[in-house]
């Protein structure tokens, strides 16, 4: 008998995890955009919820966020952690899943990494190398 792989194993997250993750992302984005969270930091900062990764049992979720311009990341992260119970309660009201996941917030570093890779590709050394290979074809 074959053993089933974990849902977040080599094959990636399940369809259900992806669907619940998107639902959580939409609800959190709406709450933050409308200013429903009464926190001075979150009221003055535009926060983007870039990705939500629920655990296979859907009881926990890692929420990747990015403040506009990448400024005040530590303050925004701390404000979200302070308001985690409120956000979880609002999620529970708007979702129809059996469990409301516990939220863990983290800064999304993919934009910074993408910008760094882009700057490397645009550097004169790399441009020189790519131009010399184009001419030899």
N, C-alpha and C. Protein backbone atom coordinates (compact mmCIF):
# COMPACT_ATOMS: atom_id res chain seq x y z
N UNK A 1 0.83 -1.18 0.00
CA UNK A 1 0.00 0.00 0.00
C UNK A 1 0.88 1.24 0.00
N UNK A 2 0.56 2.22 -0.83
CA UNK A 2 1.35 3.43 -0.93
C UNK A 2 0.97 4.42 0.16
N UNK A 3 1.98 5.12 0.66
CA UNK A 3 1.71 6.19 1.62
C UNK A 3 1.42 7.47 0.87
N UNK A 4 0.45 8.22 1.39
CA UNK A 4 0.14 9.51 0.78
C UNK A 4 1.17 10.54 1.19
N UNK A 5 1.56 11.37 0.25
CA UNK A 5 2.47 12.47 0.54
C UNK A 5 1.73 13.52 1.35
N UNK A 6 2.47 14.29 2.14
CA UNK A 6 1.86 15.41 2.84
C UNK A 6 1.32 16.40 1.82
N UNK A 7 0.27 17.11 2.19
CA UNK A 7 -0.34 18.06 1.27
C UNK A 7 0.61 19.17 0.87
N UNK A 8 1.53 19.52 1.74
CA UNK A 8 2.48 20.58 1.38
C UNK A 8 3.84 19.99 1.04
N UNK A 9 3.86 18.74 0.65
CA UNK A 9 5.09 18.05 0.31
C UNK A 9 5.59 18.42 -1.07
N UNK A 10 6.24 17.48 -1.74
CA UNK A 10 6.85 17.77 -3.04
C UNK A 10 5.85 18.22 -4.10
N UNK A 11 4.60 17.80 -3.95
CA UNK A 11 3.61 18.18 -4.96
C UNK A 11 3.04 19.57 -4.70
N UNK A 12 3.32 20.16 -3.55
CA UNK A 12 2.83 21.49 -3.25
C UNK A 12 1.53 21.44 -2.48
N UNK A 13 0.97 22.61 -2.22
CA UNK A 13 -0.27 22.67 -1.45
C UNK A 13 -1.45 22.09 -2.21
N UNK A 14 -2.42 21.60 -1.45
CA UNK A 14 -3.61 21.02 -2.07
C UNK A 14 -4.50 22.12 -2.62
N UNK A 15 -5.45 21.72 -3.43
CA UNK A 15 -6.40 22.66 -4.01
C UNK A 15 -7.19 23.36 -2.89
N UNK A 16 -7.52 22.61 -1.86
CA UNK A 16 -8.27 23.18 -0.74
C UNK A 16 -7.44 24.21 0.01
N UNK A 17 -6.16 23.92 0.23
CA UNK A 17 -5.29 24.89 0.89
C UNK A 17 -5.20 26.17 0.08
N UNK A 18 -5.06 26.05 -1.22
CA UNK A 18 -4.97 27.24 -2.08
C UNK A 18 -6.26 28.06 -2.02
N UNK A 19 -7.39 27.38 -2.05
CA UNK A 19 -8.69 28.07 -2.03
C UNK A 19 -8.90 28.79 -0.69
N UNK A 20 -8.61 28.11 0.42
CA UNK A 20 -8.75 28.73 1.74
C UNK A 20 -7.76 29.87 1.90
N UNK A 21 -6.54 29.69 1.40
CA UNK A 21 -5.54 30.76 1.46
C UNK A 21 -5.99 32.01 0.74
N UNK A 22 -6.59 31.84 -0.42
CA UNK A 22 -7.09 33.00 -1.18
C UNK A 22 -8.26 33.66 -0.46
N UNK A 23 -9.12 32.87 0.15
CA UNK A 23 -10.24 33.43 0.91
C UNK A 23 -9.73 34.25 2.08
N UNK A 24 -8.76 33.72 2.81
CA UNK A 24 -8.18 34.45 3.94
C UNK A 24 -7.52 35.73 3.45
N UNK A 25 -6.79 35.65 2.34
CA UNK A 25 -6.11 36.83 1.80
C UNK A 25 -7.11 37.93 1.45
N UNK A 26 -8.22 37.55 0.81
CA UNK A 26 -9.23 38.54 0.43
C UNK A 26 -9.87 39.18 1.66
N UNK A 27 -10.20 38.38 2.66
CA UNK A 27 -10.84 38.91 3.87
C UNK A 27 -9.89 39.86 4.60
N UNK A 28 -8.63 39.44 4.79
CA UNK A 28 -7.67 40.30 5.48
C UNK A 28 -7.39 41.58 4.70
N UNK A 29 -7.29 41.47 3.38
CA UNK A 29 -7.07 42.66 2.56
C UNK A 29 -8.21 43.64 2.70
N UNK A 30 -9.43 43.12 2.71
CA UNK A 30 -10.61 43.98 2.85
C UNK A 30 -10.62 44.66 4.22
N UNK A 31 -10.33 43.90 5.27
CA UNK A 31 -10.31 44.48 6.62
C UNK A 31 -9.27 45.59 6.74
N UNK A 32 -8.10 45.36 6.18
CA UNK A 32 -7.03 46.35 6.27
C UNK A 32 -7.30 47.56 5.38
N UNK A 33 -7.88 47.34 4.22
CA UNK A 33 -8.15 48.44 3.29
C UNK A 33 -9.26 49.36 3.80
N UNK A 34 -10.28 48.77 4.43
CA UNK A 34 -11.40 49.58 4.92
C UNK A 34 -11.10 50.27 6.23
N UNK A 35 -9.99 49.92 6.86
CA UNK A 35 -9.64 50.55 8.13
C UNK A 35 -10.43 50.00 9.30
N UNK A 36 -10.86 48.74 9.22
CA UNK A 36 -11.62 48.13 10.31
C UNK A 36 -10.76 47.85 11.54
N UNK A 37 -9.46 47.78 11.36
CA UNK A 37 -8.56 47.54 12.48
C UNK A 37 -8.17 48.90 13.05
N UNK A 38 -8.56 49.13 14.29
CA UNK A 38 -8.31 50.44 14.91
C UNK A 38 -6.96 50.43 15.62
N UNK A 39 -5.94 50.66 14.82
CA UNK A 39 -4.57 50.74 15.31
C UNK A 39 -3.91 51.90 14.58
N UNK A 40 -3.25 52.80 15.29
CA UNK A 40 -2.67 53.98 14.62
C UNK A 40 -1.70 53.64 13.50
N UNK A 41 -0.93 52.58 13.67
CA UNK A 41 0.04 52.20 12.64
C UNK A 41 -0.68 51.69 11.40
N UNK A 42 -1.69 50.84 11.59
CA UNK A 42 -2.39 50.25 10.45
C UNK A 42 -3.34 51.26 9.78
N UNK A 43 -3.78 52.27 10.52
CA UNK A 43 -4.65 53.29 9.93
C UNK A 43 -3.87 54.24 9.03
N UNK A 44 -2.57 54.39 9.27
CA UNK A 44 -1.77 55.33 8.49
C UNK A 44 -0.88 54.65 7.45
N UNK A 45 -0.90 53.33 7.39
CA UNK A 45 -0.05 52.60 6.46
C UNK A 45 -0.90 51.71 5.57
N UNK A 46 -0.60 51.72 4.29
CA UNK A 46 -1.27 50.81 3.36
C UNK A 46 -0.50 49.50 3.37
N UNK A 47 -1.21 48.42 3.70
CA UNK A 47 -0.58 47.11 3.81
C UNK A 47 -1.17 46.19 2.75
N UNK A 48 -0.30 45.51 2.02
CA UNK A 48 -0.72 44.53 1.02
C UNK A 48 -0.51 43.13 1.58
N UNK A 49 -1.55 42.32 1.51
CA UNK A 49 -1.44 40.91 1.88
C UNK A 49 -1.09 40.18 0.59
N UNK A 50 0.16 39.74 0.48
CA UNK A 50 0.64 39.17 -0.78
C UNK A 50 0.35 37.69 -0.91
N UNK A 51 0.38 36.96 0.21
CA UNK A 51 0.18 35.52 0.13
C UNK A 51 -0.24 34.98 1.48
N UNK A 52 -1.07 33.95 1.47
CA UNK A 52 -1.45 33.24 2.69
C UNK A 52 -1.22 31.76 2.45
N UNK A 53 -0.46 31.13 3.34
CA UNK A 53 -0.17 29.70 3.22
C UNK A 53 -0.76 28.96 4.41
N UNK A 54 -1.92 28.35 4.22
CA UNK A 54 -2.50 27.56 5.32
C UNK A 54 -1.76 26.24 5.48
N UNK A 55 -1.76 25.73 6.70
CA UNK A 55 -1.18 24.41 6.96
C UNK A 55 -2.10 23.34 6.38
N UNK A 56 -1.61 22.13 6.20
CA UNK A 56 -2.46 21.08 5.62
C UNK A 56 -3.76 20.83 6.39
N UNK A 57 -3.75 21.02 7.73
CA UNK A 57 -4.97 20.81 8.50
C UNK A 57 -5.82 22.08 8.59
N UNK A 58 -5.38 23.16 7.99
CA UNK A 58 -6.08 24.46 7.92
C UNK A 58 -6.28 25.11 9.29
N UNK A 59 -5.50 24.72 10.28
CA UNK A 59 -5.63 25.32 11.62
C UNK A 59 -4.66 26.48 11.82
N UNK A 60 -3.66 26.60 10.98
CA UNK A 60 -2.68 27.67 11.05
C UNK A 60 -2.50 28.25 9.66
N UNK A 61 -2.12 29.52 9.61
CA UNK A 61 -1.86 30.15 8.32
C UNK A 61 -0.74 31.17 8.48
N UNK A 62 0.19 31.12 7.55
CA UNK A 62 1.28 32.11 7.50
C UNK A 62 0.87 33.17 6.51
N UNK A 63 0.84 34.41 6.96
CA UNK A 63 0.38 35.53 6.15
C UNK A 63 1.57 36.41 5.80
N UNK A 64 1.87 36.51 4.49
CA UNK A 64 2.97 37.36 4.02
C UNK A 64 2.38 38.73 3.69
N UNK A 65 2.99 39.77 4.27
CA UNK A 65 2.50 41.14 4.05
C UNK A 65 3.63 42.02 3.56
N UNK A 66 3.25 43.13 2.95
CA UNK A 66 4.22 44.12 2.46
C UNK A 66 3.62 45.50 2.66
N UNK A 67 4.21 46.33 3.54
CA UNK A 67 3.75 47.71 3.64
C UNK A 67 4.12 48.49 2.37
N UNK A 68 3.30 49.45 2.01
CA UNK A 68 3.56 50.23 0.80
C UNK A 68 4.92 50.90 0.90
N UNK A 69 5.74 50.68 -0.08
CA UNK A 69 7.07 51.26 -0.12
C UNK A 69 8.08 50.53 0.75
N UNK A 70 7.64 49.51 1.47
CA UNK A 70 8.55 48.75 2.32
C UNK A 70 9.01 49.51 3.55
N UNK A 71 8.32 50.60 3.89
CA UNK A 71 8.73 51.42 5.03
C UNK A 71 7.94 51.03 6.27
N UNK A 72 8.60 51.03 7.40
CA UNK A 72 7.95 50.73 8.65
C UNK A 72 7.54 49.28 8.80
N UNK A 73 8.31 48.38 8.23
CA UNK A 73 7.97 46.97 8.26
C UNK A 73 7.83 46.44 9.67
N UNK A 74 8.77 46.77 10.54
CA UNK A 74 8.75 46.25 11.91
C UNK A 74 7.53 46.76 12.66
N UNK A 75 7.18 48.04 12.47
CA UNK A 75 6.01 48.61 13.16
C UNK A 75 4.72 47.96 12.67
N UNK A 76 4.61 47.75 11.38
CA UNK A 76 3.40 47.13 10.81
C UNK A 76 3.28 45.69 11.29
N UNK A 77 4.39 44.97 11.29
CA UNK A 77 4.38 43.59 11.75
C UNK A 77 3.95 43.50 13.21
N UNK A 78 4.47 44.39 14.04
CA UNK A 78 4.10 44.42 15.45
C UNK A 78 2.62 44.79 15.63
N UNK A 79 2.12 45.73 14.82
CA UNK A 79 0.70 46.11 14.90
C UNK A 79 -0.21 44.96 14.50
N UNK A 80 0.17 44.22 13.47
CA UNK A 80 -0.63 43.06 13.06
C UNK A 80 -0.61 41.98 14.13
N UNK A 81 0.52 41.79 14.76
CA UNK A 81 0.61 40.78 15.83
C UNK A 81 -0.24 41.20 17.03
N UNK A 82 -0.27 42.51 17.34
CA UNK A 82 -1.11 43.00 18.43
C UNK A 82 -2.59 42.77 18.15
N UNK A 83 -2.98 42.89 16.88
CA UNK A 83 -4.39 42.79 16.49
C UNK A 83 -4.75 41.42 15.92
N UNK A 84 -3.92 40.44 16.17
CA UNK A 84 -4.13 39.11 15.62
C UNK A 84 -5.45 38.48 16.06
N UNK A 85 -5.81 38.65 17.33
CA UNK A 85 -7.05 38.05 17.83
C UNK A 85 -8.27 38.69 17.16
N UNK A 86 -8.24 40.01 16.99
CA UNK A 86 -9.35 40.68 16.32
C UNK A 86 -9.49 40.19 14.88
N UNK A 87 -8.36 40.12 14.17
CA UNK A 87 -8.38 39.68 12.78
C UNK A 87 -8.87 38.24 12.67
N UNK A 88 -8.45 37.39 13.58
CA UNK A 88 -8.90 36.00 13.57
C UNK A 88 -10.40 35.92 13.83
N UNK A 89 -10.90 36.74 14.75
CA UNK A 89 -12.33 36.76 15.02
C UNK A 89 -13.14 37.20 13.82
N UNK A 90 -12.66 38.21 13.12
CA UNK A 90 -13.35 38.68 11.91
C UNK A 90 -13.29 37.62 10.81
N UNK A 91 -12.16 36.91 10.73
CA UNK A 91 -12.06 35.81 9.76
C UNK A 91 -13.12 34.76 10.06
N UNK A 92 -13.27 34.43 11.34
CA UNK A 92 -14.24 33.42 11.75
C UNK A 92 -15.66 33.80 11.37
N UNK A 93 -15.98 35.09 11.44
CA UNK A 93 -17.32 35.55 11.08
C UNK A 93 -17.57 35.46 9.58
N UNK A 94 -16.52 35.63 8.78
CA UNK A 94 -16.68 35.70 7.32
C UNK A 94 -16.40 34.39 6.60
N UNK A 95 -15.83 33.42 7.29
CA UNK A 95 -15.50 32.15 6.65
C UNK A 95 -16.45 31.06 7.12
N UNK A 96 -16.61 30.04 6.30
CA UNK A 96 -17.51 28.95 6.64
C UNK A 96 -16.75 27.65 6.89
N UNK A 97 -15.45 27.75 7.15
CA UNK A 97 -14.67 26.55 7.41
C UNK A 97 -14.89 26.07 8.85
N UNK A 98 -14.56 24.83 9.09
CA UNK A 98 -14.76 24.24 10.41
C UNK A 98 -13.91 24.93 11.47
N UNK A 99 -12.68 25.26 11.12
CA UNK A 99 -11.76 25.92 12.04
C UNK A 99 -11.35 27.27 11.47
N UNK A 100 -11.14 28.22 12.36
CA UNK A 100 -10.57 29.50 11.95
C UNK A 100 -9.08 29.40 12.23
N UNK A 101 -8.24 29.58 11.21
CA UNK A 101 -6.81 29.38 11.42
C UNK A 101 -6.19 30.43 12.32
N UNK A 102 -5.17 30.01 13.06
CA UNK A 102 -4.36 30.93 13.84
C UNK A 102 -3.40 31.61 12.86
N UNK A 103 -3.25 32.92 12.96
CA UNK A 103 -2.48 33.68 11.98
C UNK A 103 -1.07 33.97 12.48
N UNK A 104 -0.11 33.80 11.60
CA UNK A 104 1.27 34.18 11.85
C UNK A 104 1.68 35.13 10.74
N UNK A 105 2.10 36.33 11.09
CA UNK A 105 2.45 37.35 10.09
C UNK A 105 3.95 37.39 9.87
N UNK A 106 4.33 37.62 8.60
CA UNK A 106 5.74 37.76 8.24
C UNK A 106 5.84 38.73 7.07
N UNK A 107 7.00 39.34 6.95
CA UNK A 107 7.25 40.28 5.86
C UNK A 107 7.57 39.48 4.60
N UNK A 108 6.97 39.86 3.48
CA UNK A 108 7.23 39.21 2.20
C UNK A 108 8.50 39.80 1.60
N UNK A 109 9.51 38.99 1.48
CA UNK A 109 10.80 39.44 0.95
C UNK A 109 10.94 39.23 -0.55
N UNK A 110 9.92 38.69 -1.21
CA UNK A 110 10.04 38.38 -2.63
C UNK A 110 10.20 39.64 -3.49
N UNK A 111 9.56 40.76 -3.09
CA UNK A 111 9.71 41.99 -3.87
C UNK A 111 11.14 42.52 -3.79
N UNK A 112 11.73 42.47 -2.60
CA UNK A 112 13.11 42.93 -2.43
C UNK A 112 14.07 42.03 -3.21
N UNK A 113 13.83 40.72 -3.16
CA UNK A 113 14.69 39.79 -3.89
C UNK A 113 14.56 40.00 -5.40
N UNK A 114 13.34 40.22 -5.87
CA UNK A 114 13.12 40.47 -7.29
C UNK A 114 13.80 41.74 -7.75
N UNK A 115 13.72 42.77 -6.93
CA UNK A 115 14.38 44.04 -7.25
C UNK A 115 15.89 43.88 -7.29
N UNK A 116 16.43 43.10 -6.34
CA UNK A 116 17.87 42.86 -6.31
C UNK A 116 18.32 42.10 -7.56
N UNK A 117 17.59 41.08 -7.94
CA UNK A 117 17.93 40.30 -9.15
C UNK A 117 17.83 41.18 -10.39
N UNK A 118 16.80 42.03 -10.44
CA UNK A 118 16.65 42.94 -11.57
C UNK A 118 17.84 43.89 -11.67
N UNK A 119 18.28 44.44 -10.53
CA UNK A 119 19.43 45.36 -10.55
C UNK A 119 20.70 44.62 -10.97
N UNK A 120 20.84 43.37 -10.56
CA UNK A 120 22.00 42.59 -10.99
C UNK A 120 21.98 42.35 -12.50
N UNK A 121 20.81 42.04 -13.03
CA UNK A 121 20.72 41.79 -14.47
C UNK A 121 20.95 43.05 -15.30
N UNK A 122 20.66 44.20 -14.72
CA UNK A 122 20.86 45.46 -15.43
C UNK A 122 22.25 46.06 -15.22
N UNK A 123 23.07 45.41 -14.41
CA UNK A 123 24.41 45.93 -14.14
C UNK A 123 25.25 45.87 -15.42
N UNK A 124 26.22 46.78 -15.55
CA UNK A 124 27.04 46.83 -16.77
C UNK A 124 27.79 45.53 -17.06
N UNK A 125 28.24 44.83 -16.01
CA UNK A 125 28.99 43.59 -16.21
C UNK A 125 28.11 42.52 -16.86
N UNK A 126 26.91 42.38 -16.38
CA UNK A 126 26.01 41.37 -16.94
C UNK A 126 25.55 41.79 -18.33
N UNK A 127 25.27 43.08 -18.53
CA UNK A 127 24.85 43.56 -19.84
C UNK A 127 25.95 43.31 -20.88
N UNK A 128 27.20 43.53 -20.47
CA UNK A 128 28.32 43.29 -21.38
C UNK A 128 28.39 41.81 -21.75
N UNK A 129 28.21 40.93 -20.77
CA UNK A 129 28.26 39.50 -21.03
C UNK A 129 27.12 39.04 -21.92
N UNK A 130 25.93 39.55 -21.70
CA UNK A 130 24.80 39.12 -22.52
C UNK A 130 24.91 39.67 -23.93
N UNK A 131 25.45 40.86 -24.11
CA UNK A 131 25.63 41.43 -25.45
C UNK A 131 26.68 40.66 -26.24
N UNK A 132 27.74 40.21 -25.58
CA UNK A 132 28.79 39.47 -26.29
C UNK A 132 28.29 38.09 -26.71
N UNK A 133 27.41 37.45 -25.95
CA UNK A 133 26.88 36.15 -26.35
C UNK A 133 25.85 36.29 -27.46
N UNK A 134 25.13 37.40 -27.49
CA UNK A 134 24.15 37.63 -28.55
C UNK A 134 24.85 37.79 -29.91
N UNK A 135 26.02 38.43 -29.92
CA UNK A 135 26.71 38.69 -31.18
C UNK A 135 27.36 37.42 -31.74
N UNK A 136 27.69 36.46 -30.88
CA UNK A 136 28.38 35.27 -31.34
C UNK A 136 27.41 34.25 -31.96
N UNK A 137 26.10 34.42 -31.79
CA UNK A 137 25.13 33.47 -32.34
C UNK A 137 24.97 33.59 -33.81
